[in-house]
Amino acid sequence: MKLIITDIENFNTSLHLSIKDDYKVIMPHGNIHHCIGCFGCWIKTPGMCVIHDGYETTGAKMGKCSELILISRCCYGSVSPFVKTVLDRAISYIHPDFVIRKGEMHHKRRYQNVISLSAYFYGGDITQAEEQTAQNIIASIADNYDGLVKKVCFYKAEKELEDITL
């Protein structure tokens, strides 16, 4: 299953993407609360956020996906605030225990799946510095999830996303 996290409202109807395989989409719907760092998703309800606002199952959904696809406006070389908040709330995807990977300390994976991560950024004039920053951030996210970067792409406008196949 592919899990798509996007900041595009009405994603399913606004873009005519070609999506192969089974997929689920997380997009803006109602208010999303920020992670409060309570670690309830690690201790009280492992794998699930304790804040019930419609985004509490993101970590569990990530545990069932083979590919995580981020579709986001590029904000200073990173994902949009909405996509960042969803990723923060998905901390339950990882386990509280630590391991050493590539000489760095990271959290263990809670689930057995290995995620390949793709990112599609759009928006205005994305500078080369912002592109490099975005590639570094996506690589860091993949490292934190013990996953792999599949691709990172940049587009000037949201409309250009209609031509891609996920």
C-alpha atoms as a PDB file:
ATOM      1  CA  MET A   1       0.000   0.000   0.000  1.00  0.00           C
ATOM      2  CA  LYS A   2       1.149   3.543  -0.761  1.00  0.00           C
ATOM      3  CA  LEU A   3       0.454   6.261   1.797  1.00  0.00           C
ATOM      4  CA  ILE A   4       0.184   9.778   0.388  1.00  0.00           C
ATOM      5  CA  ILE A   5       0.457  12.752   2.735  1.00  0.00           C
ATOM      6  CA  THR A   6      -0.418  16.012   1.015  1.00  0.00           C
ATOM      7  CA  ASP A   7      -1.321  19.579   1.861  1.00  0.00           C
ATOM      8  CA  ILE A   8      -3.579  19.804  -1.201  1.00  0.00           C
ATOM      9  CA  GLU A   9      -7.217  20.011  -0.127  1.00  0.00           C
ATOM     10  CA  ASN A  10      -9.553  17.864  -2.234  1.00  0.00           C
ATOM     11  CA  PHE A  11      -6.496  15.996  -3.516  1.00  0.00           C
ATOM     12  CA  ASN A  12      -8.505  13.185  -5.087  1.00  0.00           C
ATOM     13  CA  THR A  13     -10.584  15.533  -7.221  1.00  0.00           C
ATOM     14  CA  SER A  14      -8.275  18.498  -7.830  1.00  0.00           C
ATOM     15  CA  LEU A  15      -5.507  16.488  -9.535  1.00  0.00           C
ATOM     16  CA  HIS A  16      -5.897  13.733 -12.089  1.00  0.00           C
ATOM     17  CA  LEU A  17      -2.860  11.726 -11.066  1.00  0.00           C
ATOM     18  CA  SER A  18      -2.148   8.248 -12.258  1.00  0.00           C
ATOM     19  CA  ILE A  19      -1.734   6.163  -9.108  1.00  0.00           C
ATOM     20  CA  LYS A  20      -0.657   2.542  -9.374  1.00  0.00           C
ATOM     21  CA  ASP A  21      -1.385   0.029  -6.618  1.00  0.00           C
ATOM     22  CA  ASP A  22      -3.510   0.400  -3.508  1.00  0.00           C
ATOM     23  CA  TYR A  23      -3.182   3.747  -1.726  1.00  0.00           C
ATOM     24  CA  LYS A  24      -4.515   5.883   1.129  1.00  0.00           C
ATOM     25  CA  VAL A  25      -4.422   9.682   1.249  1.00  0.00           C
ATOM     26  CA  ILE A  26      -3.990  11.919   4.271  1.00  0.00           C
ATOM     27  CA  MET A  27      -4.967  15.479   3.386  1.00  0.00           C
ATOM     28  CA  PRO A  28      -6.336  18.473   5.278  1.00  0.00           C
ATOM     29  CA  HIS A  29      -9.786  17.849   6.756  1.00  0.00           C
ATOM     30  CA  GLY A  30     -10.745  19.744   9.867  1.00  0.00           C
ATOM     31  CA  ASN A  31      -8.263  20.965  12.448  1.00  0.00           C
ATOM     32  CA  ILE A  32      -5.087  19.016  13.071  1.00  0.00           C
ATOM     33  CA  HIS A  33      -3.567  19.329  16.518  1.00  0.00           C
ATOM     34  CA  HIS A  34       0.184  19.567  16.972  1.00  0.00           C
ATOM     35  CA  CYS A  35       2.125  16.800  18.706  1.00  0.00           C
ATOM     36  CA  ILE A  36       2.421  17.717  22.377  1.00  0.00           C
ATOM     37  CA  GLY A  37       5.326  15.391  23.114  1.00  0.00           C
ATOM     38  CA  CYS A  38       3.387  13.360  25.676  1.00  0.00           C
ATOM     39  CA  PHE A  39       4.741  10.022  24.353  1.00  0.00           C
ATOM     40  CA  GLY A  40       1.284   8.496  24.848  1.00  0.00           C
ATOM     41  CA  CYS A  41       1.646   6.928  21.387  1.00  0.00           C
ATOM     42  CA  TRP A  42       4.665   5.038  22.688  1.00  0.00           C
ATOM     43  CA  ILE A  43       3.403   4.121  26.160  1.00  0.00           C
ATOM     44  CA  LYS A  44      -0.391   4.380  26.549  1.00  0.00           C
ATOM     45  CA  THR A  45      -1.598   3.445  23.053  1.00  0.00           C
ATOM     46  CA  PRO A  46       1.432   2.029  21.185  1.00  0.00           C
ATOM     47  CA  GLY A  47       1.315   2.918  17.519  1.00  0.00           C
ATOM     48  CA  MET A  48      -1.580   5.365  17.858  1.00  0.00           C
ATOM     49  CA  CYS A  49      -1.672   9.040  18.893  1.00  0.00           C
ATOM     50  CA  VAL A  50      -3.756   9.820  21.976  1.00  0.00           C
ATOM     51  CA  ILE A  51      -5.115  13.023  20.373  1.00  0.00           C
ATOM     52  CA  HIS A  52      -8.342  12.137  18.567  1.00  0.00           C
ATOM     53  CA  ASP A  53      -8.778  14.567  15.692  1.00  0.00           C
ATOM     54  CA  GLY A  54      -8.849  12.253  12.679  1.00  0.00           C
ATOM     55  CA  TYR A  55      -5.054  12.035  12.299  1.00  0.00           C
ATOM     56  CA  GLU A  56      -4.325   9.668  15.213  1.00  0.00           C
ATOM     57  CA  THR A  57      -3.801   6.561  13.051  1.00  0.00           C
ATOM     58  CA  THR A  58      -1.058   7.973  10.793  1.00  0.00           C
ATOM     59  CA  GLY A  59       1.728   5.979  12.480  1.00  0.00           C
ATOM     60  CA  ALA A  60      -0.234   2.724  12.150  1.00  0.00           C
ATOM     61  CA  LYS A  61      -0.989   3.492   8.492  1.00  0.00           C
ATOM     62  CA  MET A  62       2.723   4.037   7.912  1.00  0.00           C
ATOM     63  CA  GLY A  63       3.313   0.617   9.455  1.00  0.00           C
ATOM     64  CA  LYS A  64       1.253  -0.915   6.643  1.00  0.00           C
ATOM     65  CA  CYS A  65       2.724   0.991   3.704  1.00  0.00           C
ATOM     66  CA  SER A  66       5.578   0.148   1.381  1.00  0.00           C
ATOM     67  CA  GLU A  67       5.916   3.680   0.051  1.00  0.00           C
ATOM     68  CA  LEU A  68       5.362   7.009   1.760  1.00  0.00           C
ATOM     69  CA  ILE A  69       4.688   9.789  -0.739  1.00  0.00           C
ATOM     70  CA  LEU A  70       4.832  13.411   0.384  1.00  0.00           C
ATOM     71  CA  ILE A  71       3.202  15.971  -1.908  1.00  0.00           C
ATOM     72  CA  SER A  72       3.808  19.407  -0.487  1.00  0.00           C
ATOM     73  CA  ARG A  73       4.329  23.051  -1.165  1.00  0.00           C
ATOM     74  CA  CYS A  74       8.039  23.763  -0.684  1.00  0.00           C
ATOM     75  CA  CYS A  75       8.436  26.036   2.333  1.00  0.00           C
ATOM     76  CA  TYR A  76      11.999  27.316   2.714  1.00  0.00           C
ATOM     77  CA  GLY A  77      13.349  23.961   1.557  1.00  0.00           C
ATOM     78  CA  SER A  78      11.038  21.832   3.652  1.00  0.00           C
ATOM     79  CA  VAL A  79       7.513  20.476   3.640  1.00  0.00           C
ATOM     80  CA  SER A  80       4.496  22.649   4.388  1.00  0.00           C
ATOM     81  CA  PRO A  81       3.343  23.175   7.987  1.00  0.00           C
ATOM     82  CA  PHE A  82       0.444  20.731   7.495  1.00  0.00           C
ATOM     83  CA  VAL A  83       2.660  17.905   6.173  1.00  0.00           C
ATOM     84  CA  LYS A  84       5.210  18.563   8.956  1.00  0.00           C
ATOM     85  CA  THR A  85       2.461  18.359  11.593  1.00  0.00           C
ATOM     86  CA  VAL A  86       1.209  15.041  10.163  1.00  0.00           C
ATOM     87  CA  LEU A  87       4.772  13.656  10.211  1.00  0.00           C
ATOM     88  CA  ASP A  88       5.233  14.856  13.803  1.00  0.00           C
ATOM     89  CA  ARG A  89       2.007  13.119  14.811  1.00  0.00           C
ATOM     90  CA  ALA A  90       3.275   9.907  13.162  1.00  0.00           C
ATOM     91  CA  ILE A  91       6.107   9.513  15.684  1.00  0.00           C
ATOM     92  CA  SER A  92       4.294   6.367  16.817  1.00  0.00           C
ATOM     93  CA  TYR A  93       5.652   4.695  13.649  1.00  0.00           C
ATOM     94  CA  ILE A  94       8.973   4.340  15.446  1.00  0.00           C
ATOM     95  CA  HIS A  95       9.705   2.617  18.739  1.00  0.00           C
ATOM     96  CA  PRO A  96      11.033   4.475  21.816  1.00  0.00           C
ATOM     97  CA  ASP A  97      14.115   2.211  22.056  1.00  0.00           C
ATOM     98  CA  PHE A  98      17.332   3.244  20.285  1.00  0.00           C
ATOM     99  CA  VAL A  99      19.665   1.573  17.793  1.00  0.00           C
ATOM    100  CA  ILE A 100      22.827   2.692  16.018  1.00  0.00           C
ATOM    101  CA  ARG A 101      22.425   3.021  12.229  1.00  0.00           C
ATOM    102  CA  LYS A 102      25.143   4.434   9.989  1.00  0.00           C
ATOM    103  CA  GLY A 103      27.059   5.497  13.076  1.00  0.00           C
ATOM    104  CA  GLU A 104      24.132   7.556  14.419  1.00  0.00           C
ATOM    105  CA  MET A 105      21.613   6.897  17.159  1.00  0.00           C
ATOM    106  CA  HIS A 106      18.044   6.475  15.888  1.00  0.00           C
ATOM    107  CA  HIS A 107      14.825   4.984  17.196  1.00  0.00           C
ATOM    108  CA  LYS A 108      14.065   1.368  16.314  1.00  0.00           C
ATOM    109  CA  ARG A 109      11.364   0.565  13.821  1.00  0.00           C
ATOM    110  CA  ARG A 110       8.099  -0.495  15.459  1.00  0.00           C
ATOM    111  CA  TYR A 111       6.851  -2.268  12.322  1.00  0.00           C
ATOM    112  CA  GLN A 112       8.560  -4.722   9.964  1.00  0.00           C
ATOM    113  CA  ASN A 113       7.962  -2.789   6.744  1.00  0.00           C
ATOM    114  CA  VAL A 114      10.751  -0.792   5.104  1.00  0.00           C
ATOM    115  CA  ILE A 115       9.391   2.450   3.707  1.00  0.00           C
ATOM    116  CA  SER A 116      10.617   3.959   0.469  1.00  0.00           C
ATOM    117  CA  LEU A 117      10.076   7.704   0.589  1.00  0.00           C
ATOM    118  CA  SER A 118       9.187   9.925  -2.357  1.00  0.00           C
ATOM    119  CA  ALA A 119       8.613  13.674  -2.202  1.00  0.00           C
ATOM    120  CA  TYR A 120       6.996  15.936  -4.768  1.00  0.00           C
ATOM    121  CA  PHE A 121       7.473  19.621  -4.000  1.00  0.00           C
ATOM    122  CA  TYR A 122       5.665  22.425  -5.787  1.00  0.00           C
ATOM    123  CA  GLY A 123       5.566  26.176  -5.528  1.00  0.00           C
ATOM    124  CA  GLY A 124       6.777  29.305  -7.234  1.00  0.00           C
ATOM    125  CA  ASP A 125      10.475  29.862  -7.570  1.00  0.00           C
ATOM    126  CA  ILE A 126      12.211  27.135  -5.589  1.00  0.00           C
ATOM    127  CA  THR A 127      15.891  28.054  -5.375  1.00  0.00           C
ATOM    128  CA  GLN A 128      18.765  25.589  -5.742  1.00  0.00           C
ATOM    129  CA  ALA A 129      19.541  26.090  -2.050  1.00  0.00           C
ATOM    130  CA  GLU A 130      15.954  25.178  -1.142  1.00  0.00           C
ATOM    131  CA  GLU A 131      16.119  22.104  -3.401  1.00  0.00           C
ATOM    132  CA  GLN A 132      19.327  20.963  -1.670  1.00  0.00           C
ATOM    133  CA  THR A 133      17.812  21.594   1.765  1.00  0.00           C
ATOM    134  CA  ALA A 134      14.685  19.637   0.807  1.00  0.00           C
ATOM    135  CA  GLN A 135      16.749  16.693  -0.452  1.00  0.00           C
ATOM    136  CA  ASN A 136      18.711  16.676   2.816  1.00  0.00           C
ATOM    137  CA  ILE A 137      15.538  16.814   4.905  1.00  0.00           C
ATOM    138  CA  ILE A 138      13.918  13.958   2.968  1.00  0.00           C
ATOM    139  CA  ALA A 139      17.111  11.901   3.420  1.00  0.00           C
ATOM    140  CA  SER A 140      16.983  12.616   7.173  1.00  0.00           C
ATOM    141  CA  ILE A 141      13.331  11.584   7.380  1.00  0.00           C
ATOM    142  CA  ALA A 142      14.174   8.334   5.575  1.00  0.00           C
ATOM    143  CA  ASP A 143      17.069   7.712   7.991  1.00  0.00           C
ATOM    144  CA  ASN A 144      14.813   8.337  10.992  1.00  0.00           C
ATOM    145  CA  TYR A 145      12.232   5.868   9.640  1.00  0.00           C
ATOM    146  CA  ASP A 146      14.971   3.354   8.708  1.00  0.00           C
ATOM    147  CA  GLY A 147      13.762   3.643   5.135  1.00  0.00           C
ATOM    148  CA  LEU A 148      15.080   4.596   1.707  1.00  0.00           C
ATOM    149  CA  VAL A 149      14.707   7.670  -0.495  1.00  0.00           C
ATOM    150  CA  LYS A 150      13.106   6.719  -3.801  1.00  0.00           C
ATOM    151  CA  LYS A 151      12.866  10.168  -5.415  1.00  0.00           C
ATOM    152  CA  VAL A 152      12.610  13.885  -4.730  1.00  0.00           C
ATOM    153  CA  CYS A 153      11.069  16.061  -7.462  1.00  0.00           C
ATOM    154  CA  PHE A 154      10.348  19.761  -7.806  1.00  0.00           C
ATOM    155  CA  TYR A 155       7.605  21.532  -9.762  1.00  0.00           C
ATOM    156  CA  LYS A 156       6.836  25.194 -10.257  1.00  0.00           C
ATOM    157  CA  ALA A 157       3.078  24.842  -9.814  1.00  0.00           C
ATOM    158  CA  GLU A 158       0.613  22.427  -8.245  1.00  0.00           C
ATOM    159  CA  LYS A 159      -1.009  21.995 -11.685  1.00  0.00           C
ATOM    160  CA  GLU A 160       2.196  20.337 -13.015  1.00  0.00           C
ATOM    161  CA  LEU A 161       1.605  17.415 -10.641  1.00  0.00           C
ATOM    162  CA  GLU A 162      -1.164  16.174 -12.941  1.00  0.00           C
ATOM    163  CA  ASP A 163       1.473  14.734 -15.276  1.00  0.00           C
ATOM    164  CA  ILE A 164       3.112  12.396 -12.758  1.00  0.00           C
ATOM    165  CA  THR A 165       2.484   8.742 -12.017  1.00  0.00           C
ATOM    166  CA  LEU A 166       2.713   7.634  -8.404  1.00  0.00           C
END
